[in-house]
Each structure stands twice: as structure tokens, then as C-alpha cells.
N, C-alpha and C. Protein backbone atom coordinates (compact mmCIF):
# COMPACT_ATOMS: atom_id res chain seq x y z
N MET A 1 -9.64 -1.58 0.28
CA MET A 1 -10.00 -2.43 1.39
C MET A 1 -8.83 -2.49 2.35
N LEU A 2 -9.14 -2.66 3.61
CA LEU A 2 -8.10 -2.83 4.62
C LEU A 2 -7.86 -4.31 4.86
N VAL A 3 -6.59 -4.68 4.91
CA VAL A 3 -6.19 -6.06 5.18
C VAL A 3 -5.14 -6.03 6.28
N ASN A 4 -4.90 -7.17 6.91
CA ASN A 4 -3.92 -7.25 7.99
C ASN A 4 -2.73 -8.10 7.59
N ILE A 5 -1.57 -7.72 8.12
CA ILE A 5 -0.37 -8.53 7.95
C ILE A 5 -0.49 -9.70 8.93
N LEU A 6 -0.19 -10.90 8.44
CA LEU A 6 -0.24 -12.06 9.32
C LEU A 6 1.10 -12.77 9.27
N LYS A 7 1.46 -13.37 10.40
CA LYS A 7 2.68 -14.19 10.48
C LYS A 7 2.25 -15.59 10.86
N ASP A 8 2.70 -16.57 10.08
CA ASP A 8 2.39 -17.95 10.45
C ASP A 8 3.55 -18.49 11.28
N GLY A 9 3.43 -19.69 11.75
CA GLY A 9 4.45 -20.27 12.61
C GLY A 9 5.73 -20.64 11.89
N ARG A 10 5.76 -20.55 10.55
CA ARG A 10 6.94 -20.96 9.79
C ARG A 10 7.80 -19.76 9.36
N GLN A 11 7.71 -18.67 10.09
CA GLN A 11 8.50 -17.47 9.80
C GLN A 11 8.14 -16.83 8.47
N ARG A 12 6.91 -17.06 8.00
CA ARG A 12 6.46 -16.41 6.77
C ARG A 12 5.46 -15.33 7.12
N THR A 13 5.48 -14.28 6.35
CA THR A 13 4.56 -13.17 6.53
C THR A 13 3.70 -13.06 5.29
N GLY A 14 2.42 -12.81 5.47
CA GLY A 14 1.49 -12.70 4.35
C GLY A 14 0.41 -11.69 4.65
N LEU A 15 -0.65 -11.73 3.87
CA LEU A 15 -1.77 -10.82 4.05
C LEU A 15 -3.03 -11.62 4.37
N HIS A 16 -3.73 -11.22 5.42
CA HIS A 16 -5.04 -11.80 5.73
C HIS A 16 -6.08 -10.86 5.11
N ILE A 17 -6.82 -11.38 4.14
CA ILE A 17 -7.76 -10.58 3.38
C ILE A 17 -9.11 -10.46 4.09
N GLY A 18 -9.58 -11.54 4.69
CA GLY A 18 -10.90 -11.57 5.31
C GLY A 18 -11.92 -12.13 4.33
N GLU A 19 -12.88 -12.87 4.85
CA GLU A 19 -13.85 -13.54 3.98
C GLU A 19 -14.70 -12.55 3.19
N ALA A 20 -15.17 -11.48 3.83
CA ALA A 20 -16.02 -10.50 3.13
C ALA A 20 -15.25 -9.83 2.00
N ASN A 21 -14.00 -9.45 2.24
CA ASN A 21 -13.18 -8.83 1.19
C ASN A 21 -12.91 -9.81 0.06
N ALA A 22 -12.67 -11.07 0.40
CA ALA A 22 -12.40 -12.08 -0.63
C ALA A 22 -13.60 -12.22 -1.56
N ARG A 23 -14.80 -12.30 -0.98
CA ARG A 23 -16.00 -12.43 -1.81
C ARG A 23 -16.25 -11.19 -2.64
N ARG A 24 -15.98 -10.02 -2.09
CA ARG A 24 -16.31 -8.77 -2.78
C ARG A 24 -15.31 -8.37 -3.85
N TYR A 25 -14.02 -8.53 -3.59
CA TYR A 25 -12.99 -7.97 -4.46
C TYR A 25 -12.23 -8.97 -5.33
N PHE A 26 -12.37 -10.26 -5.08
CA PHE A 26 -11.57 -11.25 -5.80
C PHE A 26 -12.47 -12.10 -6.70
N SER A 27 -11.98 -12.38 -7.92
CA SER A 27 -12.70 -13.24 -8.86
C SER A 27 -12.49 -14.68 -8.46
N LYS A 28 -13.58 -15.41 -8.27
CA LYS A 28 -13.47 -16.79 -7.81
C LYS A 28 -12.78 -17.68 -8.84
N GLY A 29 -12.87 -17.34 -10.12
CA GLY A 29 -12.23 -18.14 -11.14
C GLY A 29 -10.76 -17.84 -11.35
N ALA A 30 -10.25 -16.79 -10.72
CA ALA A 30 -8.85 -16.40 -10.92
C ALA A 30 -7.93 -17.28 -10.07
N PRO A 31 -6.97 -17.97 -10.69
CA PRO A 31 -6.05 -18.79 -9.92
C PRO A 31 -4.96 -17.98 -9.24
N SER A 32 -4.74 -16.73 -9.72
CA SER A 32 -3.70 -15.89 -9.14
C SER A 32 -4.09 -14.42 -9.28
N ILE A 33 -3.36 -13.58 -8.56
CA ILE A 33 -3.57 -12.13 -8.64
C ILE A 33 -2.21 -11.46 -8.81
N GLU A 34 -2.25 -10.22 -9.26
CA GLU A 34 -1.04 -9.42 -9.37
C GLU A 34 -1.04 -8.40 -8.24
N LEU A 35 0.09 -8.28 -7.55
CA LEU A 35 0.24 -7.28 -6.50
C LEU A 35 1.35 -6.32 -6.89
N ARG A 36 1.09 -5.03 -6.68
CA ARG A 36 2.13 -4.02 -6.88
C ARG A 36 2.62 -3.58 -5.51
N LEU A 37 3.90 -3.80 -5.29
CA LEU A 37 4.56 -3.47 -4.03
C LEU A 37 5.61 -2.41 -4.35
N ASP A 38 5.29 -1.15 -4.12
CA ASP A 38 6.15 -0.05 -4.56
C ASP A 38 6.34 -0.18 -6.08
N ASP A 39 7.58 -0.35 -6.54
CA ASP A 39 7.84 -0.48 -7.98
C ASP A 39 7.87 -1.94 -8.44
N LEU A 40 7.67 -2.86 -7.55
CA LEU A 40 7.73 -4.28 -7.85
C LEU A 40 6.33 -4.81 -8.14
N ARG A 41 6.20 -5.63 -9.18
CA ARG A 41 4.94 -6.31 -9.49
C ARG A 41 5.18 -7.80 -9.39
N ILE A 42 4.33 -8.47 -8.61
CA ILE A 42 4.48 -9.92 -8.45
C ILE A 42 3.13 -10.60 -8.71
N GLN A 43 3.21 -11.83 -9.17
CA GLN A 43 2.02 -12.67 -9.40
C GLN A 43 1.96 -13.65 -8.23
N CYS A 44 0.83 -13.66 -7.51
CA CYS A 44 0.66 -14.54 -6.37
C CYS A 44 -0.46 -15.54 -6.64
N THR A 45 -0.18 -16.80 -6.41
CA THR A 45 -1.18 -17.85 -6.59
C THR A 45 -2.10 -17.89 -5.37
N LEU A 46 -3.39 -17.99 -5.62
CA LEU A 46 -4.36 -18.12 -4.53
C LEU A 46 -4.55 -19.61 -4.24
N SER A 47 -4.38 -19.99 -3.00
CA SER A 47 -4.55 -21.40 -2.63
C SER A 47 -6.03 -21.77 -2.67
N PRO A 48 -6.34 -23.06 -2.84
CA PRO A 48 -7.75 -23.48 -2.80
C PRO A 48 -8.44 -23.12 -1.48
N ASP A 49 -7.67 -23.07 -0.40
CA ASP A 49 -8.23 -22.69 0.91
C ASP A 49 -8.64 -21.22 0.98
N PHE A 50 -8.15 -20.41 0.03
CA PHE A 50 -8.51 -18.99 0.00
C PHE A 50 -10.02 -18.83 -0.03
N TRP A 51 -10.70 -19.69 -0.77
CA TRP A 51 -12.16 -19.58 -0.94
C TRP A 51 -12.92 -20.35 0.13
N LYS A 52 -12.24 -21.12 0.94
CA LYS A 52 -12.93 -21.90 1.97
C LYS A 52 -12.88 -21.16 3.29
N ASP A 53 -11.80 -21.34 4.02
CA ASP A 53 -11.74 -20.75 5.36
C ASP A 53 -10.45 -19.98 5.64
N ARG A 54 -9.59 -19.82 4.62
CA ARG A 54 -8.32 -19.12 4.84
C ARG A 54 -8.08 -18.09 3.74
N PRO A 55 -8.78 -16.95 3.78
CA PRO A 55 -8.57 -15.91 2.77
C PRO A 55 -7.27 -15.16 3.03
N GLU A 56 -6.16 -15.81 2.68
CA GLU A 56 -4.82 -15.27 2.92
C GLU A 56 -4.00 -15.35 1.64
N ILE A 57 -3.07 -14.43 1.51
CA ILE A 57 -2.14 -14.45 0.39
C ILE A 57 -0.75 -14.70 0.96
N GLN A 58 -0.14 -15.78 0.53
CA GLN A 58 1.21 -16.16 0.97
C GLN A 58 2.11 -16.24 -0.26
N ASP A 59 3.24 -15.59 -0.20
CA ASP A 59 4.22 -15.63 -1.29
C ASP A 59 5.56 -15.22 -0.69
N SER A 60 6.63 -15.86 -1.09
CA SER A 60 7.94 -15.56 -0.50
C SER A 60 8.38 -14.13 -0.80
N ARG A 61 8.09 -13.63 -2.01
CA ARG A 61 8.47 -12.24 -2.34
C ARG A 61 7.65 -11.24 -1.54
N LEU A 62 6.37 -11.52 -1.38
CA LEU A 62 5.50 -10.68 -0.56
C LEU A 62 5.98 -10.69 0.88
N SER A 63 6.35 -11.87 1.38
CA SER A 63 6.84 -12.00 2.74
C SER A 63 8.09 -11.16 2.98
N GLU A 64 9.03 -11.20 2.05
CA GLU A 64 10.24 -10.40 2.19
C GLU A 64 9.93 -8.91 2.18
N TRP A 65 9.04 -8.49 1.29
CA TRP A 65 8.67 -7.07 1.19
C TRP A 65 7.99 -6.61 2.48
N LEU A 66 7.07 -7.43 3.00
CA LEU A 66 6.37 -7.07 4.24
C LEU A 66 7.33 -7.01 5.41
N GLU A 67 8.27 -7.94 5.48
CA GLU A 67 9.25 -7.93 6.56
C GLU A 67 10.13 -6.68 6.48
N PHE A 68 10.51 -6.30 5.27
CA PHE A 68 11.33 -5.10 5.09
C PHE A 68 10.56 -3.85 5.49
N LYS A 69 9.29 -3.75 5.06
CA LYS A 69 8.51 -2.56 5.31
C LYS A 69 7.94 -2.48 6.71
N ALA A 70 7.47 -3.59 7.24
CA ALA A 70 6.76 -3.55 8.52
C ALA A 70 7.43 -4.38 9.61
N GLY A 71 8.46 -5.13 9.29
CA GLY A 71 9.10 -6.00 10.27
C GLY A 71 9.79 -5.25 11.39
N ARG A 72 10.14 -3.99 11.15
CA ARG A 72 10.84 -3.22 12.17
C ARG A 72 9.89 -2.63 13.20
N ARG A 73 8.60 -2.75 12.97
CA ARG A 73 7.63 -2.21 13.92
C ARG A 73 7.60 -3.04 15.19
N SER A 74 7.10 -2.41 16.23
CA SER A 74 6.97 -3.16 17.48
C SER A 74 5.88 -4.21 17.33
N HIS A 75 6.08 -5.34 17.93
CA HIS A 75 5.10 -6.43 17.84
C HIS A 75 3.96 -6.12 18.80
N GLY A 76 2.78 -6.47 18.42
CA GLY A 76 1.62 -6.19 19.26
C GLY A 76 0.37 -6.17 18.40
N ALA A 77 -0.20 -5.01 18.25
CA ALA A 77 -1.44 -4.87 17.48
C ALA A 77 -1.20 -5.23 16.02
N PRO A 78 -2.21 -5.82 15.37
CA PRO A 78 -2.06 -6.15 13.95
C PRO A 78 -1.80 -4.90 13.12
N ILE A 79 -1.01 -5.06 12.08
CA ILE A 79 -0.69 -3.95 11.20
C ILE A 79 -1.63 -4.02 10.00
N ALA A 80 -2.35 -2.93 9.77
CA ALA A 80 -3.28 -2.89 8.64
C ALA A 80 -2.63 -2.22 7.44
N LEU A 81 -3.00 -2.70 6.26
CA LEU A 81 -2.54 -2.13 5.00
C LEU A 81 -3.75 -1.92 4.11
N ARG A 82 -3.59 -1.10 3.09
CA ARG A 82 -4.64 -0.94 2.09
C ARG A 82 -4.29 -1.82 0.90
N LEU A 83 -5.31 -2.47 0.36
CA LEU A 83 -5.19 -3.24 -0.87
C LEU A 83 -6.17 -2.58 -1.83
N ILE A 84 -5.63 -1.88 -2.82
CA ILE A 84 -6.45 -1.07 -3.72
C ILE A 84 -6.57 -1.76 -5.07
N PRO A 85 -7.79 -2.08 -5.51
CA PRO A 85 -7.95 -2.69 -6.84
C PRO A 85 -7.40 -1.76 -7.92
N SER A 86 -6.60 -2.35 -8.84
CA SER A 86 -6.00 -1.53 -9.91
C SER A 86 -6.22 -2.16 -11.28
N GLY A 87 -7.14 -3.07 -11.38
CA GLY A 87 -7.43 -3.75 -12.63
C GLY A 87 -8.00 -5.12 -12.34
N PRO A 88 -8.29 -5.88 -13.39
CA PRO A 88 -8.82 -7.23 -13.15
C PRO A 88 -7.78 -8.10 -12.43
N ASP A 89 -8.12 -8.55 -11.27
CA ASP A 89 -7.23 -9.41 -10.46
C ASP A 89 -5.88 -8.77 -10.20
N ALA A 90 -5.87 -7.45 -10.02
CA ALA A 90 -4.63 -6.72 -9.72
C ALA A 90 -4.89 -5.73 -8.59
N PHE A 91 -3.90 -5.58 -7.70
CA PHE A 91 -4.06 -4.73 -6.53
C PHE A 91 -2.75 -4.01 -6.23
N VAL A 92 -2.86 -2.85 -5.58
CA VAL A 92 -1.71 -2.10 -5.09
C VAL A 92 -1.73 -2.23 -3.57
N VAL A 93 -0.59 -2.57 -2.98
CA VAL A 93 -0.47 -2.70 -1.53
C VAL A 93 0.22 -1.45 -1.01
N CYS A 94 -0.42 -0.78 -0.06
CA CYS A 94 0.21 0.40 0.54
C CYS A 94 -0.30 0.62 1.96
N ALA A 95 0.29 1.58 2.63
CA ALA A 95 -0.07 1.88 4.01
C ALA A 95 -1.45 2.51 4.06
N PRO A 96 -2.15 2.38 5.19
CA PRO A 96 -3.46 3.03 5.31
C PRO A 96 -3.32 4.54 5.22
N ALA A 97 -4.35 5.19 4.77
CA ALA A 97 -4.31 6.64 4.52
C ALA A 97 -3.87 7.44 5.73
N GLU A 98 -4.34 7.07 6.91
CA GLU A 98 -4.01 7.86 8.09
C GLU A 98 -2.60 7.63 8.58
N ALA A 99 -1.90 6.62 8.06
CA ALA A 99 -0.56 6.31 8.56
C ALA A 99 0.47 6.24 7.44
N VAL A 100 0.25 6.94 6.35
CA VAL A 100 1.16 6.85 5.21
C VAL A 100 2.55 7.33 5.56
N TYR A 101 2.68 8.27 6.50
CA TYR A 101 3.98 8.86 6.77
C TYR A 101 4.57 8.44 8.10
N ASP A 102 4.15 7.32 8.63
CA ASP A 102 4.77 6.84 9.85
C ASP A 102 5.96 5.96 9.49
N GLU A 103 6.42 5.15 10.42
CA GLU A 103 7.62 4.36 10.20
C GLU A 103 7.45 3.30 9.12
N PHE A 104 6.23 3.06 8.67
CA PHE A 104 6.02 2.07 7.61
C PHE A 104 6.73 2.50 6.34
N GLY A 105 6.85 3.80 6.12
CA GLY A 105 7.58 4.31 4.97
C GLY A 105 6.76 5.26 4.15
N ALA A 106 7.24 6.47 4.02
CA ALA A 106 6.50 7.49 3.29
C ALA A 106 6.52 7.22 1.79
N ASP A 107 7.45 6.41 1.32
CA ASP A 107 7.57 6.18 -0.11
C ASP A 107 6.63 5.09 -0.62
N VAL A 108 5.79 4.55 0.24
CA VAL A 108 4.97 3.40 -0.14
C VAL A 108 3.88 3.79 -1.13
N CYS A 109 3.16 4.87 -0.90
CA CYS A 109 2.00 5.15 -1.73
C CYS A 109 1.99 6.55 -2.31
N GLU A 110 1.68 7.47 -1.47
CA GLU A 110 1.36 8.81 -1.94
C GLU A 110 2.42 9.80 -1.51
N PRO A 111 2.64 10.82 -2.33
CA PRO A 111 3.59 11.85 -1.93
C PRO A 111 3.04 12.68 -0.77
N LYS A 112 3.92 13.24 -0.01
CA LYS A 112 3.51 14.08 1.11
C LYS A 112 2.88 15.36 0.57
N LYS A 113 1.77 15.77 1.16
CA LYS A 113 1.09 16.98 0.73
C LYS A 113 1.69 18.17 1.46
N VAL A 114 2.09 19.16 0.71
CA VAL A 114 2.64 20.38 1.29
C VAL A 114 1.94 21.57 0.68
N ARG A 115 1.98 22.68 1.38
CA ARG A 115 1.37 23.89 0.85
C ARG A 115 2.22 24.39 -0.31
N SER A 116 1.55 24.79 -1.34
CA SER A 116 2.25 25.29 -2.51
C SER A 116 2.86 26.65 -2.21
N GLU A 117 3.99 26.94 -2.84
CA GLU A 117 4.62 28.24 -2.64
C GLU A 117 3.72 29.37 -3.11
N SER A 118 2.89 29.08 -4.10
CA SER A 118 2.05 30.15 -4.63
C SER A 118 0.99 30.60 -3.65
N ILE A 119 0.68 29.80 -2.64
CA ILE A 119 -0.33 30.22 -1.68
C ILE A 119 0.28 30.60 -0.33
N LEU A 120 1.59 30.51 -0.22
CA LEU A 120 2.23 30.94 1.01
C LEU A 120 2.17 32.47 1.08
N PRO A 121 2.02 33.03 2.27
CA PRO A 121 1.98 34.49 2.38
C PRO A 121 3.33 35.08 1.96
N HIS A 122 3.26 36.12 1.20
CA HIS A 122 4.49 36.79 0.73
C HIS A 122 4.75 38.02 1.58
N ARG A 123 6.00 38.28 1.80
CA ARG A 123 6.37 39.51 2.51
C ARG A 123 6.16 40.66 1.54
N HIS A 124 6.24 41.84 2.06
CA HIS A 124 6.03 43.02 1.24
C HIS A 124 6.99 43.00 0.05
N ARG A 125 6.40 43.12 -1.12
CA ARG A 125 7.23 43.15 -2.33
C ARG A 125 7.31 44.58 -2.85
N THR A 126 8.47 44.93 -3.32
CA THR A 126 8.59 46.23 -3.97
C THR A 126 8.19 46.05 -5.43
N PRO A 127 7.40 46.98 -5.96
CA PRO A 127 6.96 46.84 -7.35
C PRO A 127 8.15 46.86 -8.30
N VAL A 128 8.02 46.08 -9.34
CA VAL A 128 9.07 46.02 -10.37
C VAL A 128 8.73 47.06 -11.40
N GLU A 129 9.70 47.93 -11.70
CA GLU A 129 9.46 48.97 -12.70
C GLU A 129 9.63 48.36 -14.08
N GLU A 130 8.83 48.86 -15.01
CA GLU A 130 8.93 48.37 -16.38
C GLU A 130 9.84 49.30 -17.18
N TYR A 131 10.66 48.72 -17.97
CA TYR A 131 11.56 49.48 -18.82
C TYR A 131 11.30 49.07 -20.26
N SER A 132 11.41 50.01 -21.14
CA SER A 132 11.25 49.74 -22.57
C SER A 132 12.59 49.89 -23.24
N VAL A 133 12.87 49.02 -24.16
CA VAL A 133 14.14 49.07 -24.86
C VAL A 133 13.86 49.45 -26.32
N ALA A 134 13.20 50.52 -26.54
CA ALA A 134 12.86 50.89 -27.93
C ALA A 134 13.76 51.94 -28.47
């Protein structure tokens, strides 16, 4: 699912999930969720307002990570991230597929895809002669 980074007036940064995503991907009985941020795993408590009118995740560790990863971007359009379910009440946070290798950081999710050496065109090779040592 795609979610947006949000900044509140108190200098905190969090994730705006959206009401439809909250209903579809989050267990209403779960008081907290686990987020994987690169190699870091954190447990975030869902506020009671999450199920009413504020489907947002706020946590000081999440805020620091988001500021480090996306705080250097120019301010303007909302920054979207992917929140990928990885188990019961657990998610991986990473850059959207089309922007994995921009300034957000290539190390966030997936390795860069490159052509394998085995399929690169080879220059003319001279045949290797076989020798027997009998």
C-alpha cells in the first residue's frame, strides 16, 4: 500500500495511512504494529484516533528515521512510501517502486537490477585448446 509522510505542527514526522488502508490492512484489535525500517524493527502503538478519523502512525523513532531518509528532500509535494505487509500486524517501510533509486536512498528496499555478465555480449573469443596430461 502507498502511504504519505506527514509532518505535524510539533516538528514530528509520521505516516498517514488513509482510512481505506487502515480498514483493509490493519487488525482493529491490535494495539500496536511492528515496522521494519531498513535493519531496524520498532513497535509502534496505534492511537485510539487511528480507527476514528486520524489513521496515522506517530513514533519518535519513526520520526527520526523519516527525517533522516526523506528530510533532505525539497518541501512541496507529499512524499509517498510503500508499506508492505510482512506478517500479522507487521510491515516493511520502503520507497515506492518507481523511485527506489532516487535521493530517498537506494539502500532502503531492493537491490539495483543490473544485467548479468553472463548475458552481456562477448567479444570474439579464441578457442581454448584442450591438453591431456596422460
